[in-house]
Amino acid sequence: GLLSFTWPGQMDHSLRDDWLEQQTETAWALA
C-alpha cells in the first residue's frame, strides 16, 4: 500500500514497472 503512493522523484517513467516489481518482492520478503 505504501508503495502505491511512492515513486522516487528522479526515476524515469520507463523504469517504474521494474522498480515497483522489485520493491513489491522486497515488501513480501520483509513481511
PDB file of all heavy atoms in Angstrom:
ATOM      1  N   GLY A   1       0.819  -1.211   0.000  1.00  0.00           N
ATOM      2  CA  GLY A   1       0.000   0.000   0.000  1.00  0.00           C
ATOM      3  C   GLY A   1       0.848   1.253   0.000  1.00  0.00           C
ATOM      4  O   GLY A   1       0.571   2.213  -0.734  1.00  0.00           O
ATOM      5  N   LEU A   2       1.902   1.260   0.811  1.00  0.00           N
ATOM      6  CA  LEU A   2       2.782   2.418   0.836  1.00  0.00           C
ATOM      7  C   LEU A   2       3.464   2.614  -0.518  1.00  0.00           C
ATOM      8  O   LEU A   2       3.597   3.738  -1.005  1.00  0.00           O
ATOM      9  CB  LEU A   2       3.838   2.245   1.932  1.00  0.00           C
ATOM     10  CG  LEU A   2       4.835   3.402   2.098  1.00  0.00           C
ATOM     11  CD1 LEU A   2       4.119   4.693   2.461  1.00  0.00           C
ATOM     12  CD2 LEU A   2       5.879   3.056   3.155  1.00  0.00           C
ATOM     13  N   LEU A   3       3.853   1.523  -1.160  1.00  0.00           N
ATOM     14  CA  LEU A   3       4.492   1.617  -2.479  1.00  0.00           C
ATOM     15  C   LEU A   3       3.569   2.243  -3.514  1.00  0.00           C
ATOM     16  O   LEU A   3       4.020   2.920  -4.440  1.00  0.00           O
ATOM     17  CB  LEU A   3       4.915   0.230  -2.963  1.00  0.00           C
ATOM     18  CG  LEU A   3       6.081  -0.438  -2.242  1.00  0.00           C
ATOM     19  CD1 LEU A   3       6.292  -1.842  -2.780  1.00  0.00           C
ATOM     20  CD2 LEU A   3       7.344   0.386  -2.399  1.00  0.00           C
ATOM     21  N   SER A   4       2.259   2.013  -3.377  1.00  0.00           N
ATOM     22  CA  SER A   4       1.314   2.509  -4.383  1.00  0.00           C
ATOM     23  C   SER A   4       1.260   4.029  -4.420  1.00  0.00           C
ATOM     24  O   SER A   4       0.771   4.605  -5.391  1.00  0.00           O
ATOM     25  CB  SER A   4      -0.087   1.944  -4.115  1.00  0.00           C
ATOM     26  OG  SER A   4      -0.642   2.468  -2.929  1.00  0.00           O
ATOM     27  N   PHE A   5       1.757   4.679  -3.369  1.00  0.00           N
ATOM     28  CA  PHE A   5       1.780   6.142  -3.338  1.00  0.00           C
ATOM     29  C   PHE A   5       3.215   6.676  -3.315  1.00  0.00           C
ATOM     30  O   PHE A   5       3.456   7.794  -2.882  1.00  0.00           O
ATOM     31  CB  PHE A   5       1.023   6.664  -2.113  1.00  0.00           C
ATOM     32  CG  PHE A   5      -0.424   6.312  -2.124  1.00  0.00           C
ATOM     33  CD1 PHE A   5      -0.954   5.469  -1.160  1.00  0.00           C
ATOM     34  CD2 PHE A   5      -1.268   6.805  -3.107  1.00  0.00           C
ATOM     35  CE1 PHE A   5      -2.303   5.139  -1.164  1.00  0.00           C
ATOM     36  CE2 PHE A   5      -2.613   6.471  -3.122  1.00  0.00           C
ATOM     37  CZ  PHE A   5      -3.123   5.640  -2.160  1.00  0.00           C
ATOM     38  N   THR A   6       4.152   5.874  -3.798  1.00  0.00           N
ATOM     39  CA  THR A   6       5.559   6.232  -3.692  1.00  0.00           C
ATOM     40  C   THR A   6       6.271   6.028  -5.018  1.00  0.00           C
ATOM     41  O   THR A   6       6.159   4.967  -5.617  1.00  0.00           O
ATOM     42  CB  THR A   6       6.260   5.361  -2.628  1.00  0.00           C
ATOM     43  OG1 THR A   6       5.613   5.552  -1.373  1.00  0.00           O
ATOM     44  CG2 THR A   6       7.716   5.738  -2.495  1.00  0.00           C
ATOM     45  N   TRP A   7       6.969   7.047  -5.455  1.00  0.00           N
ATOM     46  CA  TRP A   7       7.903   6.907  -6.575  1.00  0.00           C
ATOM     47  C   TRP A   7       9.111   7.781  -6.304  1.00  0.00           C
ATOM     48  O   TRP A   7       8.963   8.924  -5.878  1.00  0.00           O
ATOM     49  CB  TRP A   7       7.283   7.391  -7.892  1.00  0.00           C
ATOM     50  CG  TRP A   7       6.188   6.545  -8.424  1.00  0.00           C
ATOM     51  CD1 TRP A   7       4.879   6.910  -8.568  1.00  0.00           C
ATOM     52  CD2 TRP A   7       6.265   5.207  -8.903  1.00  0.00           C
ATOM     53  NE1 TRP A   7       4.147   5.876  -9.101  1.00  0.00           N
ATOM     54  CE2 TRP A   7       4.973   4.829  -9.312  1.00  0.00           C
ATOM     55  CE3 TRP A   7       7.310   4.286  -9.013  1.00  0.00           C
ATOM     56  CZ2 TRP A   7       4.699   3.564  -9.830  1.00  0.00           C
ATOM     57  CZ3 TRP A   7       7.031   3.038  -9.530  1.00  0.00           C
ATOM     58  CH2 TRP A   7       5.741   2.694  -9.928  1.00  0.00           C
ATOM     59  N   PRO A   8      10.310   7.277  -6.544  1.00  0.00           N
ATOM     60  CA  PRO A   8      11.471   8.170  -6.478  1.00  0.00           C
ATOM     61  C   PRO A   8      11.317   9.288  -7.502  1.00  0.00           C
ATOM     62  O   PRO A   8      11.044   9.039  -8.677  1.00  0.00           O
ATOM     63  CB  PRO A   8      12.645   7.243  -6.840  1.00  0.00           C
ATOM     64  CG  PRO A   8      12.154   5.862  -6.517  1.00  0.00           C
ATOM     65  CD  PRO A   8      10.680   5.881  -6.811  1.00  0.00           C
ATOM     66  N   GLY A   9      11.439  10.518  -7.065  1.00  0.00           N
ATOM     67  CA  GLY A   9      11.164  11.653  -7.934  1.00  0.00           C
ATOM     68  C   GLY A   9      12.025  11.725  -9.178  1.00  0.00           C
ATOM     69  O   GLY A   9      11.607  12.245 -10.211  1.00  0.00           O
ATOM     70  N   GLN A  10      13.256  11.189  -9.118  1.00  0.00           N
ATOM     71  CA  GLN A  10      14.174  11.303 -10.241  1.00  0.00           C
ATOM     72  C   GLN A  10      14.047  10.129 -11.218  1.00  0.00           C
ATOM     73  O   GLN A  10      14.751  10.088 -12.219  1.00  0.00           O
ATOM     74  CB  GLN A  10      15.628  11.362  -9.745  1.00  0.00           C
ATOM     75  CG  GLN A  10      15.919  12.481  -8.760  1.00  0.00           C
ATOM     76  CD  GLN A  10      15.536  12.107  -7.325  1.00  0.00           C
ATOM     77  OE1 GLN A  10      15.108  10.993  -7.077  1.00  0.00           O
ATOM     78  NE2 GLN A  10      15.675  13.059  -6.410  1.00  0.00           N
ATOM     79  N   MET A  11      13.158   9.160 -10.944  1.00  0.00           N
ATOM     80  CA  MET A  11      13.099   7.958 -11.769  1.00  0.00           C
ATOM     81  C   MET A  11      12.339   8.198 -13.069  1.00  0.00           C
ATOM     82  O   MET A  11      11.282   8.822 -13.082  1.00  0.00           O
ATOM     83  CB  MET A  11      12.432   6.819 -10.988  1.00  0.00           C
ATOM     84  CG  MET A  11      12.352   5.510 -11.776  1.00  0.00           C
ATOM     85  SD  MET A  11      11.697   4.162 -10.776  1.00  0.00           S
ATOM     86  CE  MET A  11      13.088   3.903  -9.675  1.00  0.00           C
ATOM     87  N   ASP A  12      12.891   7.677 -14.143  1.00  0.00           N
ATOM     88  CA  ASP A  12      12.242   7.757 -15.445  1.00  0.00           C
ATOM     89  C   ASP A  12      10.994   6.870 -15.449  1.00  0.00           C
ATOM     90  O   ASP A  12      10.983   5.778 -14.867  1.00  0.00           O
ATOM     91  CB  ASP A  12      13.219   7.295 -16.531  1.00  0.00           C
ATOM     92  CG  ASP A  12      12.635   7.474 -17.918  1.00  0.00           C
ATOM     93  OD1 ASP A  12      12.815   8.564 -18.490  1.00  0.00           O
ATOM     94  OD2 ASP A  12      12.000   6.519 -18.409  1.00  0.00           O
ATOM     95  N   HIS A  13       9.941   7.322 -16.132  1.00  0.00           N
ATOM     96  CA  HIS A  13       8.689   6.568 -16.169  1.00  0.00           C
ATOM     97  C   HIS A  13       8.896   5.152 -16.696  1.00  0.00           C
ATOM     98  O   HIS A  13       8.220   4.212 -16.272  1.00  0.00           O
ATOM     99  CB  HIS A  13       7.656   7.297 -17.033  1.00  0.00           C
ATOM    100  CG  HIS A  13       7.031   8.462 -16.355  1.00  0.00           C
ATOM    101  ND1 HIS A  13       5.721   8.473 -15.937  1.00  0.00           N
ATOM    102  CD2 HIS A  13       7.539   9.665 -15.985  1.00  0.00           C
ATOM    103  CE1 HIS A  13       5.441   9.632 -15.351  1.00  0.00           C
ATOM    104  NE2 HIS A  13       6.534  10.378 -15.378  1.00  0.00           N
ATOM    105  N   SER A  14       9.816   4.986 -17.634  1.00  0.00           N
ATOM    106  CA  SER A  14      10.020   3.674 -18.254  1.00  0.00           C
ATOM    107  C   SER A  14      10.579   2.640 -17.287  1.00  0.00           C
ATOM    108  O   SER A  14      10.494   1.440 -17.526  1.00  0.00           O
ATOM    109  CB  SER A  14      10.953   3.809 -19.462  1.00  0.00           C
ATOM    110  OG  SER A  14      12.234   4.265 -19.047  1.00  0.00           O
ATOM    111  N   LEU A  15      11.152   3.104 -16.186  1.00  0.00           N
ATOM    112  CA  LEU A  15      11.757   2.196 -15.216  1.00  0.00           C
ATOM    113  C   LEU A  15      10.839   1.871 -14.047  1.00  0.00           C
ATOM    114  O   LEU A  15      11.176   1.036 -13.204  1.00  0.00           O
ATOM    115  CB  LEU A  15      13.052   2.809 -14.669  1.00  0.00           C
ATOM    116  CG  LEU A  15      14.153   3.126 -15.688  1.00  0.00           C
ATOM    117  CD1 LEU A  15      15.320   3.818 -14.983  1.00  0.00           C
ATOM    118  CD2 LEU A  15      14.631   1.855 -16.380  1.00  0.00           C
ATOM    119  N   ARG A  16       9.686   2.500 -13.994  1.00  0.00           N
ATOM    120  CA  ARG A  16       8.860   2.382 -12.793  1.00  0.00           C
ATOM    121  C   ARG A  16       8.260   0.999 -12.594  1.00  0.00           C
ATOM    122  O   ARG A  16       8.141   0.528 -11.469  1.00  0.00           O
ATOM    123  CB  ARG A  16       7.758   3.442 -12.834  1.00  0.00           C
ATOM    124  CG  ARG A  16       8.319   4.826 -12.595  1.00  0.00           C
ATOM    125  CD  ARG A  16       7.237   5.874 -12.575  1.00  0.00           C
ATOM    126  NE  ARG A  16       7.810   7.163 -12.183  1.00  0.00           N
ATOM    127  CZ  ARG A  16       7.107   8.267 -12.053  1.00  0.00           C
ATOM    128  NH1 ARG A  16       5.814   8.257 -12.293  1.00  0.00           N
ATOM    129  NH2 ARG A  16       7.691   9.397 -11.695  1.00  0.00           N
ATOM    130  N   ASP A  17       7.881   0.324 -13.677  1.00  0.00           N
ATOM    131  CA  ASP A  17       7.333  -1.025 -13.524  1.00  0.00           C
ATOM    132  C   ASP A  17       8.362  -1.960 -12.902  1.00  0.00           C
ATOM    133  O   ASP A  17       8.049  -2.759 -12.016  1.00  0.00           O
ATOM    134  CB  ASP A  17       6.867  -1.575 -14.876  1.00  0.00           C
ATOM    135  CG  ASP A  17       5.570  -0.933 -15.348  1.00  0.00           C
ATOM    136  OD1 ASP A  17       4.898  -0.287 -14.515  1.00  0.00           O
ATOM    137  OD2 ASP A  17       5.237  -1.074 -16.536  1.00  0.00           O
ATOM    138  N   ASP A  18       9.612  -1.863 -13.381  1.00  0.00           N
ATOM    139  CA  ASP A  18      10.672  -2.706 -12.818  1.00  0.00           C
ATOM    140  C   ASP A  18      10.915  -2.357 -11.359  1.00  0.00           C
ATOM    141  O   ASP A  18      11.110  -3.244 -10.521  1.00  0.00           O
ATOM    142  CB  ASP A  18      11.971  -2.526 -13.614  1.00  0.00           C
ATOM    143  CG  ASP A  18      11.881  -3.125 -15.004  1.00  0.00           C
ATOM    144  OD1 ASP A  18      10.999  -3.987 -15.221  1.00  0.00           O
ATOM    145  OD2 ASP A  18      12.673  -2.731 -15.872  1.00  0.00           O
ATOM    146  N   TRP A  19      10.910  -1.060 -11.066  1.00  0.00           N
ATOM    147  CA  TRP A  19      11.120  -0.624  -9.685  1.00  0.00           C
ATOM    148  C   TRP A  19      10.021  -1.151  -8.779  1.00  0.00           C
ATOM    149  O   TRP A  19      10.286  -1.677  -7.688  1.00  0.00           O
ATOM    150  CB  TRP A  19      11.164   0.905  -9.630  1.00  0.00           C
ATOM    151  CG  TRP A  19      11.368   1.454  -8.244  1.00  0.00           C
ATOM    152  CD1 TRP A  19      12.540   1.687  -7.607  1.00  0.00           C
ATOM    153  CD2 TRP A  19      10.336   1.832  -7.310  1.00  0.00           C
ATOM    154  NE1 TRP A  19      12.321   2.186  -6.343  1.00  0.00           N
ATOM    155  CE2 TRP A  19      10.977   2.290  -6.133  1.00  0.00           C
ATOM    156  CE3 TRP A  19       8.944   1.830  -7.366  1.00  0.00           C
ATOM    157  CZ2 TRP A  19      10.261   2.741  -5.029  1.00  0.00           C
ATOM    158  CZ3 TRP A  19       8.236   2.269  -6.249  1.00  0.00           C
ATOM    159  CH2 TRP A  19       8.896   2.716  -5.098  1.00  0.00           C
ATOM    160  N   LEU A  20       8.770  -1.038  -9.225  1.00  0.00           N
ATOM    161  CA  LEU A  20       7.644  -1.474  -8.402  1.00  0.00           C
ATOM    162  C   LEU A  20       7.681  -2.980  -8.185  1.00  0.00           C
ATOM    163  O   LEU A  20       7.429  -3.459  -7.071  1.00  0.00           O
ATOM    164  CB  LEU A  20       6.320  -1.072  -9.060  1.00  0.00           C
ATOM    165  CG  LEU A  20       5.049  -1.378  -8.263  1.00  0.00           C
ATOM    166  CD1 LEU A  20       5.086  -0.692  -6.905  1.00  0.00           C
ATOM    167  CD2 LEU A  20       3.809  -0.943  -9.043  1.00  0.00           C
ATOM    168  N   GLU A  21       8.005  -3.737  -9.214  1.00  0.00           N
ATOM    169  CA  GLU A  21       8.091  -5.191  -9.065  1.00  0.00           C
ATOM    170  C   GLU A  21       9.174  -5.568  -8.055  1.00  0.00           C
ATOM    171  O   GLU A  21       8.979  -6.424  -7.191  1.00  0.00           O
ATOM    172  CB  GLU A  21       8.383  -5.835 -10.418  1.00  0.00           C
ATOM    173  CG  GLU A  21       8.465  -7.362 -10.362  1.00  0.00           C
ATOM    174  CD  GLU A  21       8.712  -7.986 -11.717  1.00  0.00           C
ATOM    175  OE1 GLU A  21       8.738  -7.251 -12.728  1.00  0.00           O
ATOM    176  OE2 GLU A  21       8.873  -9.228 -11.767  1.00  0.00           O
ATOM    177  N   GLN A  22      10.303  -4.907  -8.160  1.00  0.00           N
ATOM    178  CA  GLN A  22      11.411  -5.177  -7.251  1.00  0.00           C
ATOM    179  C   GLN A  22      11.047  -4.830  -5.811  1.00  0.00           C
ATOM    180  O   GLN A  22      11.299  -5.600  -4.878  1.00  0.00           O
ATOM    181  CB  GLN A  22      12.634  -4.387  -7.709  1.00  0.00           C
ATOM    182  CG  GLN A  22      13.894  -4.654  -6.899  1.00  0.00           C
ATOM    183  CD  GLN A  22      15.054  -3.820  -7.410  1.00  0.00           C
ATOM    184  OE1 GLN A  22      15.044  -2.589  -7.326  1.00  0.00           O
ATOM    185  NE2 GLN A  22      16.060  -4.484  -7.955  1.00  0.00           N
ATOM    186  N   GLN A  23      10.441  -3.661  -5.617  1.00  0.00           N
ATOM    187  CA  GLN A  23      10.069  -3.226  -4.275  1.00  0.00           C
ATOM    188  C   GLN A  23       8.948  -4.085  -3.685  1.00  0.00           C
ATOM    189  O   GLN A  23       8.895  -4.313  -2.469  1.00  0.00           O
ATOM    190  CB  GLN A  23       9.647  -1.752  -4.300  1.00  0.00           C
ATOM    191  CG  GLN A  23      10.780  -0.794  -4.615  1.00  0.00           C
ATOM    192  CD  GLN A  23      11.870  -0.836  -3.574  1.00  0.00           C
ATOM    193  OE1 GLN A  23      11.613  -0.885  -2.374  1.00  0.00           O
ATOM    194  NE2 GLN A  23      13.113  -0.830  -4.032  1.00  0.00           N
ATOM    195  N   THR A  24       8.032  -4.569  -4.534  1.00  0.00           N
ATOM    196  CA  THR A  24       6.958  -5.450  -4.067  1.00  0.00           C
ATOM    197  C   THR A  24       7.534  -6.767  -3.557  1.00  0.00           C
ATOM    198  O   THR A  24       7.106  -7.296  -2.524  1.00  0.00           O
ATOM    199  CB  THR A  24       5.950  -5.712  -5.191  1.00  0.00           C
ATOM    200  OG1 THR A  24       5.364  -4.471  -5.597  1.00  0.00           O
ATOM    201  CG2 THR A  24       4.834  -6.642  -4.723  1.00  0.00           C
ATOM    202  N   GLU A  25       8.511  -7.303  -4.278  1.00  0.00           N
ATOM    203  CA  GLU A  25       9.175  -8.521  -3.821  1.00  0.00           C
ATOM    204  C   GLU A  25       9.895  -8.288  -2.497  1.00  0.00           C
ATOM    205  O   GLU A  25       9.885  -9.144  -1.608  1.00  0.00           O
ATOM    206  CB  GLU A  25      10.163  -9.003  -4.890  1.00  0.00           C
ATOM    207  CG  GLU A  25       9.496  -9.540  -6.146  1.00  0.00           C
ATOM    208  CD  GLU A  25      10.508  -9.958  -7.201  1.00  0.00           C
ATOM    209  OE1 GLU A  25      11.729  -9.796  -6.945  1.00  0.00           O
ATOM    210  OE2 GLU A  25      10.089 -10.438  -8.265  1.00  0.00           O
ATOM    211  N   THR A  26      10.496  -7.117  -2.361  1.00  0.00           N
ATOM    212  CA  THR A  26      11.168  -6.776  -1.104  1.00  0.00           C
ATOM    213  C   THR A  26      10.167  -6.690   0.044  1.00  0.00           C
ATOM    214  O   THR A  26      10.424  -7.172   1.154  1.00  0.00           O
ATOM    215  CB  THR A  26      11.920  -5.441  -1.247  1.00  0.00           C
ATOM    216  OG1 THR A  26      12.909  -5.560  -2.269  1.00  0.00           O
ATOM    217  CG2 THR A  26      12.592  -5.049   0.063  1.00  0.00           C
ATOM    218  N   ALA A  27       8.997  -6.060  -0.230  1.00  0.00           N
ATOM    219  CA  ALA A  27       7.960  -5.948   0.805  1.00  0.00           C
ATOM    220  C   ALA A  27       7.485  -7.325   1.248  1.00  0.00           C
ATOM    221  O   ALA A  27       7.231  -7.558   2.438  1.00  0.00           O
ATOM    222  CB  ALA A  27       6.779  -5.120   0.274  1.00  0.00           C
ATOM    223  N   TRP A  28       7.371  -8.256   0.282  1.00  0.00           N
ATOM    224  CA  TRP A  28       6.945  -9.619   0.628  1.00  0.00           C
ATOM    225  C   TRP A  28       7.995 -10.308   1.497  1.00  0.00           C
ATOM    226  O   TRP A  28       7.679 -10.948   2.497  1.00  0.00           O
ATOM    227  CB  TRP A  28       6.682 -10.425  -0.634  1.00  0.00           C
ATOM    228  CG  TRP A  28       6.412 -11.868  -0.348  1.00  0.00           C
ATOM    229  CD1 TRP A  28       7.220 -12.934  -0.560  1.00  0.00           C
ATOM    230  CD2 TRP A  28       5.221 -12.405   0.265  1.00  0.00           C
ATOM    231  NE1 TRP A  28       6.632 -14.085  -0.122  1.00  0.00           N
ATOM    232  CE2 TRP A  28       5.405 -13.796   0.376  1.00  0.00           C
ATOM    233  CE3 TRP A  28       4.034 -11.835   0.732  1.00  0.00           C
ATOM    234  CZ2 TRP A  28       4.435 -14.632   0.943  1.00  0.00           C
ATOM    235  CZ3 TRP A  28       3.073 -12.669   1.287  1.00  0.00           C
ATOM    236  CH2 TRP A  28       3.276 -14.045   1.383  1.00  0.00           C
ATOM    237  N   ALA A  29       9.271 -10.176   1.115  1.00  0.00           N
ATOM    238  CA  ALA A  29      10.340 -10.806   1.879  1.00  0.00           C
ATOM    239  C   ALA A  29      10.399 -10.248   3.303  1.00  0.00           C
ATOM    240  O   ALA A  29      10.585 -10.991   4.278  1.00  0.00           O
ATOM    241  CB  ALA A  29      11.682 -10.603   1.169  1.00  0.00           C
ATOM    242  N   LEU A  30      10.229  -8.942   3.441  1.00  0.00           N
ATOM    243  CA  LEU A  30      10.244  -8.333   4.765  1.00  0.00           C
ATOM    244  C   LEU A  30       9.059  -8.799   5.603  1.00  0.00           C
ATOM    245  O   LEU A  30       9.191  -9.067   6.802  1.00  0.00           O
ATOM    246  CB  LEU A  30      10.234  -6.810   4.639  1.00  0.00           C
ATOM    247  CG  LEU A  30      11.524  -6.168   4.127  1.00  0.00           C
ATOM    248  CD1 LEU A  30      11.292  -4.692   3.820  1.00  0.00           C
ATOM    249  CD2 LEU A  30      12.644  -6.334   5.148  1.00  0.00           C
ATOM    250  N   ALA A  31       7.876  -8.887   4.980  1.00  0.00           N
ATOM    251  CA  ALA A  31       6.679  -9.319   5.705  1.00  0.00           C
ATOM    252  C   ALA A  31       6.791 -10.769   6.157  1.00  0.00           C
ATOM    253  O   ALA A  31       6.172 -11.179   7.141  1.00  0.00           O
ATOM    254  CB  ALA A  31       5.445  -9.133   4.822  1.00  0.00           C
TER     255      ALA A  31
END
